PDB file of N, CA and C in Angstrom:
ATOM      1  N   MET A   1      82.312 204.768  65.498  1.00  0.00           N
ATOM      2  CA  MET A   1      82.156 204.856  66.943  1.00  0.00           C
ATOM      3  C   MET A   1      82.951 203.721  67.615  1.00  0.00           C
ATOM      4  N   PRO A   2      83.730 204.046  68.673  1.00  0.00           N
ATOM      5  CA  PRO A   2      84.531 202.999  69.326  1.00  0.00           C
ATOM      6  C   PRO A   2      83.652 201.956  70.001  1.00  0.00           C
ATOM      7  N   GLU A   3      84.204 200.751  70.113  1.00  0.00           N
ATOM      8  CA  GLU A   3      83.490 199.651  70.748  1.00  0.00           C
ATOM      9  C   GLU A   3      83.499 199.836  72.264  1.00  0.00           C
ATOM     10  N   ARG A   4      82.378 199.535  72.876  1.00  0.00           N
ATOM     11  CA  ARG A   4      82.251 199.678  74.318  1.00  0.00           C
ATOM     12  C   ARG A   4      83.000 198.555  75.022  1.00  0.00           C
ATOM     13  N   ILE A   5      83.849 198.920  75.972  1.00  0.00           N
ATOM     14  CA  ILE A   5      84.634 197.925  76.696  1.00  0.00           C
ATOM     15  C   ILE A   5      83.958 197.616  78.027  1.00  0.00           C
ATOM     16  N   VAL A   6      83.481 198.637  78.703  1.00  0.00           N
ATOM     17  CA  VAL A   6      82.873 198.489  80.016  1.00  0.00           C
ATOM     18  C   VAL A   6      81.443 199.013  79.935  1.00  0.00           C
ATOM     19  N   HIS A   7      80.518 198.235  80.417  1.00  0.00           N
ATOM     20  CA  HIS A   7      79.113 198.651  80.447  1.00  0.00           C
ATOM     21  C   HIS A   7      78.657 198.663  81.898  1.00  0.00           C
ATOM     22  N   LEU A   8      78.294 199.835  82.395  1.00  0.00           N
ATOM     23  CA  LEU A   8      77.874 199.980  83.796  1.00  0.00           C
ATOM     24  C   LEU A   8      76.446 200.508  83.848  1.00  0.00           C
ATOM     25  N   THR A   9      75.689 200.032  84.815  1.00  0.00           N
ATOM     26  CA  THR A   9      74.339 200.529  85.044  1.00  0.00           C
ATOM     27  C   THR A   9      74.213 200.943  86.516  1.00  0.00           C
ATOM     28  N   ARG A  10      73.072 201.478  86.882  1.00  0.00           N
ATOM     29  CA  ARG A  10      72.852 201.899  88.259  1.00  0.00           C
ATOM     30  C   ARG A  10      73.028 200.738  89.233  1.00  0.00           C
ATOM     31  N   LYS A  11      72.752 199.530  88.777  1.00  0.00           N
ATOM     32  CA  LYS A  11      72.857 198.363  89.634  1.00  0.00           C
ATOM     33  C   LYS A  11      74.309 198.067  90.036  1.00  0.00           C
ATOM     34  N   ASP A  12      75.270 198.637  89.304  1.00  0.00           N
ATOM     35  CA  ASP A  12      76.678 198.410  89.592  1.00  0.00           C
ATOM     36  C   ASP A  12      77.205 199.316  90.709  1.00  0.00           C
ATOM     37  N   PHE A  13      76.383 200.237  91.177  1.00  0.00           N
ATOM     38  CA  PHE A  13      76.817 201.201  92.178  1.00  0.00           C
ATOM     39  C   PHE A  13      75.923 201.150  93.415  1.00  0.00           C
ATOM     40  N   VAL A  14      76.489 201.508  94.535  1.00  0.00           N
ATOM     41  CA  VAL A  14      75.736 201.666  95.771  1.00  0.00           C
ATOM     42  C   VAL A  14      75.688 203.165  96.062  1.00  0.00           C
ATOM     43  N   ARG A  15      74.472 203.669  96.242  1.00  0.00           N
ATOM     44  CA  ARG A  15      74.288 205.096  96.546  1.00  0.00           C
ATOM     45  C   ARG A  15      73.810 205.208  97.983  1.00  0.00           C
ATOM     46  N   GLN A  16      74.517 206.004  98.780  1.00  0.00           N
ATOM     47  CA  GLN A  16      74.147 206.208 100.175  1.00  0.00           C
ATOM     48  C   GLN A  16      73.974 207.694 100.442  1.00  0.00           C
ATOM     49  N   THR A  17      73.008 208.013 101.277  1.00  0.00           N
ATOM     50  CA  THR A  17      72.831 209.399 101.714  1.00  0.00           C
ATOM     51  C   THR A  17      73.020 209.445 103.222  1.00  0.00           C
ATOM     52  N   PHE A  18      73.453 210.592 103.685  1.00  0.00           N
ATOM     53  CA  PHE A  18      73.696 210.753 105.132  1.00  0.00           C
ATOM     54  C   PHE A  18      73.584 212.232 105.486  1.00  0.00           C
ATOM     55  N   ARG A  19      73.408 212.471 106.765  1.00  0.00           N
ATOM     56  CA  ARG A  19      73.370 213.852 107.235  1.00  0.00           C
ATOM     57  C   ARG A  19      74.783 214.399 107.269  1.00  0.00           C
ATOM     58  N   ALA A  20      74.915 215.582 106.757  1.00  0.00           N
ATOM     59  CA  ALA A  20      76.245 216.166 106.633  1.00  0.00           C
ATOM     60  C   ALA A  20      76.299 217.500 107.366  1.00  0.00           C
ATOM     61  N   GLY A  21      77.308 217.696 108.155  1.00  0.00           N
ATOM     62  CA  GLY A  21      77.525 218.993 108.799  1.00  0.00           C
ATOM     63  C   GLY A  21      78.171 219.941 107.821  1.00  0.00           C
ATOM     64  N   GLY A  22      78.461 221.125 108.266  1.00  0.00           N
ATOM     65  CA  GLY A  22      79.133 222.075 107.397  1.00  0.00           C
ATOM     66  C   GLY A  22      78.236 223.228 107.064  1.00  0.00           C
ATOM     67  N   LYS A  23      78.514 223.942 105.975  1.00  0.00           N
ATOM     68  CA  LYS A  23      77.716 225.107 105.633  1.00  0.00           C
ATOM     69  C   LYS A  23      76.274 224.687 105.363  1.00  0.00           C
ATOM     70  N   GLY A  24      75.361 225.522 105.727  1.00  0.00           N
ATOM     71  CA  GLY A  24      73.954 225.180 105.626  1.00  0.00           C
ATOM     72  C   GLY A  24      73.363 225.073 107.012  1.00  0.00           C
ATOM     73  N   GLY A  25      74.236 224.942 108.016  1.00  0.00           N
ATOM     74  CA  GLY A  25      73.828 224.961 109.397  1.00  0.00           C
ATOM     75  C   GLY A  25      72.710 224.016 109.759  1.00  0.00           C
ATOM     76  N   GLN A  26      71.604 224.577 110.234  1.00  0.00           N
ATOM     77  CA  GLN A  26      70.509 223.760 110.734  1.00  0.00           C
ATOM     78  C   GLN A  26      69.901 222.886 109.646  1.00  0.00           C
ATOM     79  N   LYS A  27      69.828 223.384 108.409  1.00  0.00           N
ATOM     80  CA  LYS A  27      69.273 222.582 107.319  1.00  0.00           C
ATOM     81  C   LYS A  27      70.116 221.314 107.127  1.00  0.00           C
ATOM     82  N   GLN A  28      71.430 221.445 107.196  1.00  0.00           N
ATOM     83  CA  GLN A  28      72.325 220.276 107.028  1.00  0.00           C
ATOM     84  C   GLN A  28      72.061 219.252 108.124  1.00  0.00           C
ATOM     85  N   ASN A  29      71.749 219.713 109.329  1.00  0.00           N
ATOM     86  CA  ASN A  29      71.534 218.794 110.444  1.00  0.00           C
ATOM     87  C   ASN A  29      70.204 218.064 110.345  1.00  0.00           C
ATOM     88  N   LYS A  30      69.273 218.570 109.541  1.00  0.00           N
ATOM     89  CA  LYS A  30      67.933 217.957 109.458  1.00  0.00           C
ATOM     90  C   LYS A  30      67.720 217.125 108.214  1.00  0.00           C
ATOM     91  N   THR A  31      68.520 217.334 107.194  1.00  0.00           N
ATOM     92  CA  THR A  31      68.316 216.618 105.941  1.00  0.00           C
ATOM     93  C   THR A  31      69.542 215.756 105.599  1.00  0.00           C
ATOM     94  N   SER A  32      69.297 214.718 104.855  1.00  0.00           N
ATOM     95  CA  SER A  32      70.386 213.833 104.418  1.00  0.00           C
ATOM     96  C   SER A  32      70.899 214.322 103.072  1.00  0.00           C
ATOM     97  N   SER A  33      71.702 215.380 103.125  1.00  0.00           N
ATOM     98  CA  SER A  33      72.178 215.955 101.878  1.00  0.00           C
ATOM     99  C   SER A  33      73.527 215.419 101.439  1.00  0.00           C
ATOM    100  N   GLY A  34      74.249 214.766 102.329  1.00  0.00           N
ATOM    101  CA  GLY A  34      75.510 214.145 101.954  1.00  0.00           C
ATOM    102  C   GLY A  34      75.268 212.910 101.098  1.00  0.00           C
ATOM    103  N   VAL A  35      76.106 212.698 100.097  1.00  0.00           N
ATOM    104  CA  VAL A  35      75.920 211.549  99.201  1.00  0.00           C
ATOM    105  C   VAL A  35      77.256 210.823  99.025  1.00  0.00           C
ATOM    106  N   ARG A  36      77.175 209.494  98.999  1.00  0.00           N
ATOM    107  CA  ARG A  36      78.362 208.653  98.772  1.00  0.00           C
ATOM    108  C   ARG A  36      78.002 207.629  97.694  1.00  0.00           C
ATOM    109  N   PHE A  37      78.896 207.466  96.739  1.00  0.00           N
ATOM    110  CA  PHE A  37      78.747 206.428  95.719  1.00  0.00           C
ATOM    111  C   PHE A  37      79.880 205.429  95.909  1.00  0.00           C
ATOM    112  N   ILE A  38      79.546 204.142  95.794  1.00  0.00           N
ATOM    113  CA  ILE A  38      80.555 203.076  95.895  1.00  0.00           C
ATOM    114  C   ILE A  38      80.361 202.150  94.708  1.00  0.00           C
ATOM    115  N   HIS A  39      81.474 201.776  94.090  1.00  0.00           N
ATOM    116  CA  HIS A  39      81.476 200.787  93.010  1.00  0.00           C
ATOM    117  C   HIS A  39      82.153 199.548  93.585  1.00  0.00           C
ATOM    118  N   PRO A  40      81.346 198.571  94.074  1.00  0.00           N
ATOM    119  CA  PRO A  40      81.922 197.409  94.767  1.00  0.00           C
ATOM    120  C   PRO A  40      82.955 196.627  93.958  1.00  0.00           C
ATOM    121  N   ALA A  41      82.773 196.519  92.656  1.00  0.00           N
ATOM    122  CA  ALA A  41      83.706 195.724  91.857  1.00  0.00           C
ATOM    123  C   ALA A  41      85.126 196.289  91.877  1.00  0.00           C
ATOM    124  N   SER A  42      85.252 197.596  91.949  1.00  0.00           N
ATOM    125  CA  SER A  42      86.573 198.214  91.943  1.00  0.00           C
ATOM    126  C   SER A  42      87.001 198.711  93.320  1.00  0.00           C
ATOM    127  N   GLY A  43      86.034 198.906  94.204  1.00  0.00           N
ATOM    128  CA  GLY A  43      86.334 199.486  95.505  1.00  0.00           C
ATOM    129  C   GLY A  43      86.383 201.010  95.462  1.00  0.00           C
ATOM    130  N   ALA A  44      86.043 201.599  94.306  1.00  0.00           N
ATOM    131  CA  ALA A  44      86.078 203.056  94.160  1.00  0.00           C
ATOM    132  C   ALA A  44      84.960 203.686  94.975  1.00  0.00           C
ATOM    133  N   ARG A  45      85.280 204.840  95.561  1.00  0.00           N
ATOM    134  CA  ARG A  45      84.286 205.564  96.373  1.00  0.00           C
ATOM    135  C   ARG A  45      84.380 207.040  96.042  1.00  0.00           C
ATOM    136  N   GLY A  46      83.258 207.706  96.138  1.00  0.00           N
ATOM    137  CA  GLY A  46      83.190 209.151  95.984  1.00  0.00           C
ATOM    138  C   GLY A  46      82.171 209.700  96.959  1.00  0.00           C
ATOM    139  N   GLU A  47      82.515 210.786  97.598  1.00  0.00           N
ATOM    140  CA  GLU A  47      81.636 211.331  98.619  1.00  0.00           C
ATOM    141  C   GLU A  47      81.625 212.858  98.504  1.00  0.00           C
ATOM    142  N   CYS A  48      80.472 213.447  98.773  1.00  0.00           N
ATOM    143  CA  CYS A  48      80.383 214.903  98.796  1.00  0.00           C
ATOM    144  C   CYS A  48      79.348 215.318  99.822  1.00  0.00           C
ATOM    145  N   ARG A  49      79.699 216.356 100.565  1.00  0.00           N
ATOM    146  CA  ARG A  49      78.797 216.905 101.570  1.00  0.00           C
ATOM    147  C   ARG A  49      78.898 218.424 101.629  1.00  0.00           C
ATOM    148  N   GLU A  50      79.586 219.021 100.644  1.00  0.00           N
ATOM    149  CA  GLU A  50      79.849 220.448 100.707  1.00  0.00           C
ATOM    150  C   GLU A  50      78.623 221.319 100.466  1.00  0.00           C
ATOM    151  N   GLU A  51      77.724 220.870  99.609  1.00  0.00           N
ATOM    152  CA  GLU A  51      76.582 221.698  99.214  1.00  0.00           C
ATOM    153  C   GLU A  51      75.353 221.389 100.057  1.00  0.00           C
ATOM    154  N   ARG A  52      74.419 222.324 100.087  1.00  0.00           N
ATOM    155  CA  ARG A  52      73.144 222.095 100.798  1.00  0.00           C
ATOM    156  C   ARG A  52      72.232 221.200  99.977  1.00  0.00           C
ATOM    157  N   SER A  53      72.420 221.202  98.681  1.00  0.00           N
ATOM    158  CA  SER A  53      71.568 220.432  97.775  1.00  0.00           C
ATOM    159  C   SER A  53      72.066 218.999  97.619  1.00  0.00           C
ATOM    160  N   GLN A  54      71.190 218.033  97.860  1.00  0.00           N
ATOM    161  CA  GLN A  54      71.561 216.629  97.683  1.00  0.00           C
ATOM    162  C   GLN A  54      71.904 216.356  96.211  1.00  0.00           C
ATOM    163  N   GLU A  55      71.177 216.989  95.307  1.00  0.00           N
ATOM    164  CA  GLU A  55      71.422 216.772  93.872  1.00  0.00           C
ATOM    165  C   GLU A  55      72.836 217.215  93.469  1.00  0.00           C
ATOM    166  N   GLN A  56      73.259 218.379  93.958  1.00  0.00           N
ATOM    167  CA  GLN A  56      74.606 218.846  93.643  1.00  0.00           C
ATOM    168  C   GLN A  56      75.665 217.930  94.270  1.00  0.00           C
ATOM    169  N   ASN A  57      75.439 217.515  95.507  1.00  0.00           N
ATOM    170  CA  ASN A  57      76.365 216.603  96.164  1.00  0.00           C
ATOM    171  C   ASN A  57      76.427 215.271  95.439  1.00  0.00           C
ATOM    172  N   GLU A  58      75.291 214.824  94.922  1.00  0.00           N
ATOM    173  CA  GLU A  58      75.236 213.555  94.186  1.00  0.00           C
ATOM    174  C   GLU A  58      76.103 213.626  92.927  1.00  0.00           C
ATOM    175  N   GLN A  59      75.994 214.721  92.197  1.00  0.00           N
ATOM    176  CA  GLN A  59      76.793 214.876  90.962  1.00  0.00           C
ATOM    177  C   GLN A  59      78.287 214.881  91.278  1.00  0.00           C
ATOM    178  N   ARG A  60      78.657 215.621  92.309  1.00  0.00           N
ATOM    179  CA  ARG A  60      80.073 215.702  92.670  1.00  0.00           C
ATOM    180  C   ARG A  60      80.594 214.364  93.194  1.00  0.00           C
ATOM    181  N   ALA A  61      79.796 213.680  94.013  1.00  0.00           N
ATOM    182  CA  ALA A  61      80.223 212.396  94.565  1.00  0.00           C
ATOM    183  C   ALA A  61      80.438 211.381  93.442  1.00  0.00           C
ATOM    184  N   PHE A  62      79.519 211.345  92.479  1.00  0.00           N
ATOM    185  CA  PHE A  62      79.647 210.395  91.386  1.00  0.00           C
ATOM    186  C   PHE A  62      80.898 210.711  90.558  1.00  0.00           C
ATOM    187  N   ARG A  63      81.122 211.983  90.287  1.00  0.00           N
ATOM    188  CA  ARG A  63      82.299 212.371  89.511  1.00  0.00           C
ATOM    189  C   ARG A  63      83.583 211.986  90.253  1.00  0.00           C
ATOM    190  N   ARG A  64      83.627 212.210  91.558  1.00  0.00           N
ATOM    191  CA  ARG A  64      84.820 211.854  92.333  1.00  0.00           C
ATOM    192  C   ARG A  64      85.071 210.350  92.283  1.00  0.00           C
ATOM    193  N   MET A  65      84.008 209.575  92.374  1.00  0.00           N
ATOM    194  CA  MET A  65      84.164 208.122  92.299  1.00  0.00           C
ATOM    195  C   MET A  65      84.669 207.715  90.908  1.00  0.00           C
ATOM    196  N   ALA A  66      84.051 208.281  89.873  1.00  0.00           N
ATOM    197  CA  ALA A  66      84.395 207.923  88.494  1.00  0.00           C
ATOM    198  C   ALA A  66      85.830 208.303  88.156  1.00  0.00           C
ATOM    199  N   GLU A  67      86.343 209.365  88.761  1.00  0.00           N
ATOM    200  CA  GLU A  67      87.699 209.837  88.469  1.00  0.00           C
ATOM    201  C   GLU A  67      88.738 209.301  89.436  1.00  0.00           C
ATOM    202  N   SER A  68      88.325 208.440  90.360  1.00  0.00           N
ATOM    203  CA  SER A  68      89.261 207.933  91.365  1.00  0.00           C
ATOM    204  C   SER A  68      90.289 206.973  90.749  1.00  0.00           C
ATOM    205  N   VAL A  69      91.397 206.820  91.424  1.00  0.00           N
ATOM    206  CA  VAL A  69      92.464 205.934  90.963  1.00  0.00           C
ATOM    207  C   VAL A  69      91.957 204.494  90.893  1.00  0.00           C
ATOM    208  N   LYS A  70      91.186 204.069  91.889  1.00  0.00           N
ATOM    209  CA  LYS A  70      90.684 202.692  91.899  1.00  0.00           C
ATOM    210  C   LYS A  70      89.795 202.417  90.699  1.00  0.00           C
ATOM    211  N   MET A  71      88.945 203.374  90.344  1.00  0.00           N
ATOM    212  CA  MET A  71      88.066 203.179  89.184  1.00  0.00           C
ATOM    213  C   MET A  71      88.882 203.131  87.906  1.00  0.00           C
ATOM    214  N   ARG A  72      89.856 204.007  87.803  1.00  0.00           N
ATOM    215  CA  ARG A  72      90.709 204.025  86.593  1.00  0.00           C
ATOM    216  C   ARG A  72      91.474 202.715  86.451  1.00  0.00           C
ATOM    217  N   MET A  73      91.965 202.208  87.566  1.00  0.00           N
ATOM    218  CA  MET A  73      92.701 200.927  87.517  1.00  0.00           C
ATOM    219  C   MET A  73      91.763 199.781  87.120  1.00  0.00           C
ATOM    220  N   TRP A  74      90.550 199.787  87.642  1.00  0.00           N
ATOM    221  CA  TRP A  74      89.570 198.755  87.318  1.00  0.00           C
ATOM    222  C   TRP A  74      89.234 198.790  85.827  1.00  0.00           C
ATOM    223  N   ILE A  75      89.024 199.981  85.304  1.00  0.00           N
ATOM    224  CA  ILE A  75      88.701 200.125  83.870  1.00  0.00           C
ATOM    225  C   ILE A  75      89.885 199.651  83.033  1.00  0.00           C
ATOM    226  N   ALA A  76      91.097 199.993  83.425  1.00  0.00           N
ATOM    227  CA  ALA A  76      92.287 199.534  82.692  1.00  0.00           C
ATOM    228  C   ALA A  76      92.366 198.002  82.695  1.00  0.00           C
ATOM    229  N   GLU A  77      92.043 197.404  83.840  1.00  0.00           N
ATOM    230  CA  GLU A  77      92.045 195.931  83.943  1.00  0.00           C
ATOM    231  C   GLU A  77      91.004 195.322  83.016  1.00  0.00           C
ATOM    232  N   GLN A  78      89.820 195.939  82.992  1.00  0.00           N
ATOM    233  CA  GLN A  78      88.756 195.449  82.108  1.00  0.00           C
ATOM    234  C   GLN A  78      89.175 195.570  80.646  1.00  0.00           C
ATOM    235  N   HIS A  79      89.867 196.652  80.330  1.00  0.00           N
ATOM    236  CA  HIS A  79      90.353 196.873  78.969  1.00  0.00           C
ATOM    237  C   HIS A  79      91.368 195.810  78.571  1.00  0.00           C
ATOM    238  N   GLN A  80      92.282 195.492  79.490  1.00  0.00           N
ATOM    239  CA  GLN A  80      93.273 194.455  79.202  1.00  0.00           C
ATOM    240  C   GLN A  80      92.620 193.099  78.978  1.00  0.00           C
ATOM    241  N   ASN A  81      91.650 192.770  79.808  1.00  0.00           N
ATOM    242  CA  ASN A  81      90.922 191.512  79.622  1.00  0.00           C
ATOM    243  C   ASN A  81      90.190 191.485  78.290  1.00  0.00           C
ATOM    244  N   TRP A  82      89.608 192.592  77.940  1.00  0.00           N
ATOM    245  CA  TRP A  82      88.872 192.691  76.672  1.00  0.00           C
ATOM    246  C   TRP A  82      89.828 192.492  75.499  1.00  0.00           C
ATOM    247  N   GLU A  83      91.013 193.107  75.591  1.00  0.00           N
ATOM    248  CA  GLU A  83      91.986 192.951  74.492  1.00  0.00           C
ATOM    249  C   GLU A  83      92.442 191.505  74.350  1.00  0.00           C
ATOM    250  N   ARG A  84      92.547 190.793  75.480  1.00  0.00           N
ATOM    251  CA  ARG A  84      92.937 189.385  75.444  1.00  0.00           C
ATOM    252  C   ARG A  84      91.769 188.482  75.085  1.00  0.00           C
ATOM    253  N   GLY A  85      90.567 189.055  75.108  1.00  0.00           N
ATOM    254  CA  GLY A  85      89.380 188.276  74.784  1.00  0.00           C
ATOM    255  C   GLY A  85      88.941 187.366  75.902  1.00  0.00           C
ATOM    256  N   LYS A  86      89.315 187.720  77.141  1.00  0.00           N
ATOM    257  CA  LYS A  86      88.975 186.873  78.281  1.00  0.00           C
ATOM    258  C   LYS A  86      88.243 187.686  79.337  1.00  0.00           C
ATOM    259  N   THR A  87      87.365 186.995  80.036  1.00  0.00           N
ATOM    260  CA  THR A  87      86.734 187.607  81.196  1.00  0.00           C
ATOM    261  C   THR A  87      87.550 187.193  82.422  1.00  0.00           C
ATOM    262  N   ILE A  88      87.313 187.843  83.526  1.00  0.00           N
ATOM    263  CA  ILE A  88      88.015 187.484  84.757  1.00  0.00           C
ATOM    264  C   ILE A  88      87.681 186.052  85.140  1.00  0.00           C
ATOM    265  N   GLU A  89      86.423 185.668  84.948  1.00  0.00           N
ATOM    266  CA  GLU A  89      86.018 184.297  85.283  1.00  0.00           C
ATOM    267  C   GLU A  89      86.808 183.281  84.450  1.00  0.00           C
ATOM    268  N   GLN A  90      87.019 183.589  83.168  1.00  0.00           N
ATOM    269  CA  GLN A  90      87.779 182.671  82.313  1.00  0.00           C
ATOM    270  C   GLN A  90      89.245 182.577  82.774  1.00  0.00           C
ATOM    271  N   GLU A  91      89.824 183.694  83.171  1.00  0.00           N
ATOM    272  CA  GLU A  91      91.198 183.679  83.635  1.00  0.00           C
ATOM    273  C   GLU A  91      91.337 182.853  84.917  1.00  0.00           C
ATOM    274  N   VAL A  92      90.382 183.013  85.829  1.00  0.00           N
ATOM    275  CA  VAL A  92      90.409 182.235  87.065  1.00  0.00           C
ATOM    276  C   VAL A  92      90.276 180.751  86.751  1.00  0.00           C
ATOM    277  N   GLU A  93      89.380 180.417  85.837  1.00  0.00           N
ATOM    278  CA  GLU A  93      89.177 179.015  85.448  1.00  0.00           C
ATOM    279  C   GLU A  93      90.464 178.412  84.894  1.00  0.00           C
ATOM    280  N   GLU A  94      91.205 179.186  84.096  1.00  0.00           N
ATOM    281  CA  GLU A  94      92.457 178.711  83.547  1.00  0.00           C
ATOM    282  C   GLU A  94      93.500 178.494  84.629  1.00  0.00           C
ATOM    283  N   MET A  95      93.467 179.305  85.680  1.00  0.00           N
ATOM    284  CA  MET A  95      94.443 179.174  86.760  1.00  0.00           C
ATOM    285  C   MET A  95      94.115 178.011  87.693  1.00  0.00           C
ATOM    286  N   MET A  96      92.884 177.534  87.667  1.00  0.00           N
ATOM    287  CA  MET A  96      92.462 176.481  88.586  1.00  0.00           C
ATOM    288  C   MET A  96      92.687 175.084  88.023  1.00  0.00           C
ATOM    289  N   THR A  97      93.871 174.844  87.529  1.00  0.00           N
ATOM    290  CA  THR A  97      94.217 173.508  87.031  1.00  0.00           C
ATOM    291  C   THR A  97      94.929 172.750  88.152  1.00  0.00           C
ATOM    292  N   PRO A  98      94.826 171.416  88.148  1.00  0.00           N
ATOM    293  CA  PRO A  98      95.422 170.613  89.231  1.00  0.00           C
ATOM    294  C   PRO A  98      96.899 170.886  89.457  1.00  0.00           C
ATOM    295  N   ASP A  99      97.632 171.179  88.403  1.00  0.00           N
ATOM    296  CA  ASP A  99      99.068 171.403  88.574  1.00  0.00           C
ATOM    297  C   ASP A  99      99.382 172.737  89.237  1.00  0.00           C
ATOM    298  N   LYS A 100      98.403 173.634  89.323  1.00  0.00           N
ATOM    299  CA  LYS A 100      98.627 174.958  89.928  1.00  0.00           C
ATOM    300  C   LYS A 100      97.973 175.099  91.292  1.00  0.00           C
ATOM    301  N   ILE A 101      97.287 174.066  91.734  1.00  0.00           N
ATOM    302  CA  ILE A 101      96.605 174.128  93.023  1.00  0.00           C
ATOM    303  C   ILE A 101      97.376 173.321  94.046  1.00  0.00           C
ATOM    304  N   LEU A 102      97.663 173.939  95.178  1.00  0.00           N
ATOM    305  CA  LEU A 102      98.378 173.284  96.261  1.00  0.00           C
ATOM    306  C   LEU A 102      97.360 172.910  97.337  1.00  0.00           C
ATOM    307  N   VAL A 103      97.279 171.666  97.679  1.00  0.00           N
ATOM    308  CA  VAL A 103      96.365 171.189  98.687  1.00  0.00           C
ATOM    309  C   VAL A 103      97.161 170.771  99.904  1.00  0.00           C
ATOM    310  N   GLU A 104      96.781 171.280 101.074  1.00  0.00           N
ATOM    311  CA  GLU A 104      97.432 170.895 102.313  1.00  0.00           C
ATOM    312  C   GLU A 104      96.374 170.406 103.285  1.00  0.00           C
ATOM    313  N   VAL A 105      96.708 169.387 104.028  1.00  0.00           N
ATOM    314  CA  VAL A 105      95.803 168.859 105.048  1.00  0.00           C
ATOM    315  C   VAL A 105      96.557 168.809 106.369  1.00  0.00           C
ATOM    316  N   MET A 106      95.790 168.882 107.447  1.00  0.00           N
ATOM    317  CA  MET A 106      96.433 168.834 108.755  1.00  0.00           C
ATOM    318  C   MET A 106      96.596 167.359 109.158  1.00  0.00           C
ATOM    319  N   GLY A 107      97.828 167.006 109.447  1.00  0.00           N
ATOM    320  CA  GLY A 107      98.138 165.635 109.860  1.00  0.00           C
ATOM    321  C   GLY A 107      97.736 165.379 111.296  1.00  0.00           C
ATOM    322  N   GLU A 108      97.899 164.153 111.732  1.00  0.00           N
ATOM    323  CA  GLU A 108      97.532 163.758 113.085  1.00  0.00           C
ATOM    324  C   GLU A 108      98.349 164.476 114.138  1.00  0.00           C
ATOM    325  N   ASP A 109      99.572 164.895 113.764  1.00  0.00           N
ATOM    326  CA  ASP A 109     100.433 165.606 114.724  1.00  0.00           C
ATOM    327  C   ASP A 109     100.151 167.108 114.748  1.00  0.00           C
ATOM    328  N   GLY A 110      99.155 167.552 113.971  1.00  0.00           N
ATOM    329  CA  GLY A 110      98.804 168.977 113.937  1.00  0.00           C
ATOM    330  C   GLY A 110      99.595 169.799 112.964  1.00  0.00           C
ATOM    331  N   GLU A 111     100.454 169.173 112.196  1.00  0.00           N
ATOM    332  CA  GLU A 111     101.266 169.862 111.194  1.00  0.00           C
ATOM    333  C   GLU A 111     100.566 169.785 109.840  1.00  0.00           C
ATOM    334  N   TRP A 112     100.765 170.814 109.036  1.00  0.00           N
ATOM    335  CA  TRP A 112     100.175 170.830 107.685  1.00  0.00           C
ATOM    336  C   TRP A 112     101.054 170.012 106.763  1.00  0.00           C
ATOM    337  N   VAL A 113     100.419 169.149 105.991  1.00  0.00           N
ATOM    338  CA  VAL A 113     101.136 168.270 105.057  1.00  0.00           C
ATOM    339  C   VAL A 113     100.516 168.440 103.690  1.00  0.00           C
ATOM    340  N   ARG A 114     101.363 168.483 102.675  1.00  0.00           N
ATOM    341  CA  ARG A 114     100.840 168.584 101.305  1.00  0.00           C
ATOM    342  C   ARG A 114     100.143 167.289 100.931  1.00  0.00           C
ATOM    343  N   GLY A 115      98.934 167.419 100.424  1.00  0.00           N
ATOM    344  CA  GLY A 115      98.128 166.239 100.081  1.00  0.00           C
ATOM    345  C   GLY A 115      98.243 165.831  98.661  1.00  0.00           C
TER     346      GLY A 115
END
């Protein structure tokens, strides 16, 4: 069995419901059958409001989010980090060395000066 690279749980997603117009008429106007899923870490979003059933819209919205370009790019990035054996936090820590950080302060004349 392949090793798991990305582990996601329900806590990694934001699920929103909303009233959706469209087929279903009056029922659509009274119930929150539209569903949106957001994965904040990647910025991926999926939304569905086509069906009268919230459950069907939920399945489609999640699938759209999971198959989005942003989600695929995020997973690829996680895979690259995994192959290098580094987390994003470790990479940022490596980049935060004094020789790579530029500090500027505002001088008395209002101009920015390298500190």
